[in-house]
């Protein structure tokens, strides 16, 4: 797609409008998002074909469209009660799959709600 390189590098053009059909190609535009609740995908998501609860506190997320490589970003945040300490790590395993690991305040794996969003270039 000829638009992808232009969107990623031309940040000086303030005249041309970027329509939604092209905006989605910018690496800073979210490519996927979702919420994991206890042991499954919850609520509305996009760009996600599935979430598998592999073991306590561990979720494998598969995106519906591949990223261009494994150099994309996943931001994950807890949906815990205020004052609850939760630690989340994300491991990118392929252009379509990443693993989210959630630990509680005692560093034990825990099935705690969290949300994620993915940024980067798609294939």
Protein backbone atom coordinates (compact mmCIF):
# COMPACT_ATOMS: atom_id res chain seq x y z
CA UNK A 1 0.00 0.00 0.00
CA UNK A 2 1.58 3.28 -1.11
CA UNK A 3 -0.21 5.24 1.60
CA UNK A 4 1.38 3.42 4.54
CA UNK A 5 4.93 4.75 4.04
CA UNK A 6 3.62 8.28 3.43
CA UNK A 7 1.52 8.23 6.61
CA UNK A 8 4.42 6.95 8.66
CA UNK A 9 6.96 9.51 7.46
CA UNK A 10 5.20 12.67 6.22
CA UNK A 11 4.25 14.55 9.37
CA UNK A 12 4.71 18.01 7.85
CA UNK A 13 1.63 18.12 5.58
CA UNK A 14 -1.07 20.19 7.26
CA UNK A 15 -3.19 20.78 4.16
CA UNK A 16 -4.40 17.35 3.02
CA UNK A 17 -7.06 15.60 5.07
CA UNK A 18 -6.56 11.99 6.08
CA UNK A 19 -9.77 10.06 5.62
CA UNK A 20 -10.61 7.17 7.99
CA UNK A 21 -9.95 4.58 5.29
CA UNK A 22 -6.34 5.77 5.17
CA UNK A 23 -5.84 6.78 8.81
CA UNK A 24 -5.98 3.15 9.88
CA UNK A 25 -2.65 2.59 8.11
CA UNK A 26 -0.76 5.01 10.36
CA UNK A 27 1.37 3.12 12.94
CA UNK A 28 -0.02 5.28 15.77
CA UNK A 29 -3.61 4.28 14.96
CA UNK A 30 -4.86 1.37 17.13
CA UNK A 31 -4.90 -1.93 15.24
CA UNK A 32 -6.58 -4.03 17.92
CA UNK A 33 -8.09 -3.58 21.35
CA UNK A 34 -9.97 -5.66 23.86
CA UNK A 35 -10.80 -6.41 27.46
CA UNK A 36 -10.03 -9.70 29.17
CA UNK A 37 -12.36 -10.56 32.05
CA UNK A 38 -11.45 -13.49 34.29
CA UNK A 39 -10.86 -16.06 31.55
CA UNK A 40 -12.26 -14.75 28.26
CA UNK A 41 -12.58 -11.76 25.97
CA UNK A 42 -15.30 -9.48 27.33
CA UNK A 43 -17.37 -6.76 25.75
CA UNK A 44 -16.59 -5.09 22.47
CA UNK A 45 -13.24 -5.56 20.81
CA UNK A 46 -11.77 -5.02 17.37
CA UNK A 47 -8.91 -6.60 15.49
CA UNK A 48 -9.01 -9.66 17.76
CA UNK A 49 -10.03 -13.10 16.56
CA UNK A 50 -9.74 -14.75 19.96
CA UNK A 51 -8.35 -14.98 23.47
CA UNK A 52 -7.38 -18.29 25.07
CA UNK A 53 -7.00 -18.60 28.83
CA UNK A 54 -3.98 -20.92 28.83
CA UNK A 55 -3.44 -21.09 32.58
CA UNK A 56 -4.06 -18.96 35.67
CA UNK A 57 -3.22 -15.35 34.81
CA UNK A 58 -2.03 -16.18 31.29
CA UNK A 59 -3.91 -15.29 28.12
CA UNK A 60 -2.93 -15.84 24.49
CA UNK A 61 -4.40 -13.18 22.21
CA UNK A 62 -4.71 -13.74 18.46
CA UNK A 63 -5.27 -10.74 16.21
CA UNK A 64 -7.47 -11.02 13.13
CA UNK A 65 -5.00 -9.15 10.89
CA UNK A 66 -1.25 -9.74 11.00
CA UNK A 67 1.15 -6.97 11.89
CA UNK A 68 4.04 -6.40 9.47
CA UNK A 69 6.52 -7.99 11.90
CA UNK A 70 6.97 -8.52 15.65
CA UNK A 71 8.07 -4.92 16.29
CA UNK A 72 4.63 -3.69 17.34
CA UNK A 73 3.53 -2.32 20.69
CA UNK A 74 0.97 -3.71 23.08
CA UNK A 75 -0.17 -1.58 25.99
CA UNK A 76 -1.98 -3.51 28.70
CA UNK A 77 -3.58 -2.01 31.77
CA UNK A 78 -5.40 -3.55 34.74
CA UNK A 79 -9.10 -3.03 35.34
CA UNK A 80 -8.67 -3.61 39.06
CA UNK A 81 -10.16 -1.87 42.06
CA UNK A 82 -8.37 1.35 43.03
CA UNK A 83 -5.53 0.65 45.40
CA UNK A 84 -5.01 -2.88 44.08
CA UNK A 85 -1.52 -3.48 42.74
CA UNK A 86 -1.47 -5.52 39.52
CA UNK A 87 1.56 -6.32 37.36
CA UNK A 88 1.04 -7.10 33.66
CA UNK A 89 3.66 -8.29 31.16
CA UNK A 90 3.19 -8.81 27.45
CA UNK A 91 5.29 -11.11 25.25
CA UNK A 92 4.97 -10.77 21.49
CA UNK A 93 5.33 -14.23 19.97
CA UNK A 94 4.44 -13.60 16.30
CA UNK A 95 2.89 -11.05 13.93
CA UNK A 96 -0.58 -12.18 15.05
CA UNK A 97 -0.12 -13.51 18.60
CA UNK A 98 0.91 -12.05 21.94
CA UNK A 99 0.69 -13.38 25.49
CA UNK A 100 -0.58 -11.35 28.44
CA UNK A 101 0.50 -12.43 31.95
CA UNK A 102 -1.25 -10.91 34.98
CA UNK A 103 0.06 -11.04 38.55
CA UNK A 104 -1.55 -9.77 41.74
CA UNK A 105 0.01 -7.61 44.46
CA UNK A 106 1.74 -10.69 45.95
CA UNK A 107 3.28 -11.52 42.55
CA UNK A 108 1.03 -14.57 42.16
CA UNK A 109 -0.49 -15.32 38.78
CA UNK A 110 -4.09 -14.15 38.89
CA UNK A 111 -7.15 -14.12 36.66
CA UNK A 112 -7.67 -10.38 36.92
CA UNK A 113 -9.42 -8.15 34.40
CA UNK A 114 -7.25 -6.14 32.05
CA UNK A 115 -7.49 -4.22 28.78
CA UNK A 116 -5.07 -3.96 25.88
CA UNK A 117 -4.48 -1.91 22.75
CA UNK A 118 -2.09 -2.66 19.87
CA UNK A 119 -0.14 -0.13 17.75
CA UNK A 120 2.19 -0.58 14.77
CA UNK A 121 2.21 -1.39 11.06
CA UNK A 122 0.02 -4.12 9.65
CA UNK A 123 1.14 -6.43 6.88
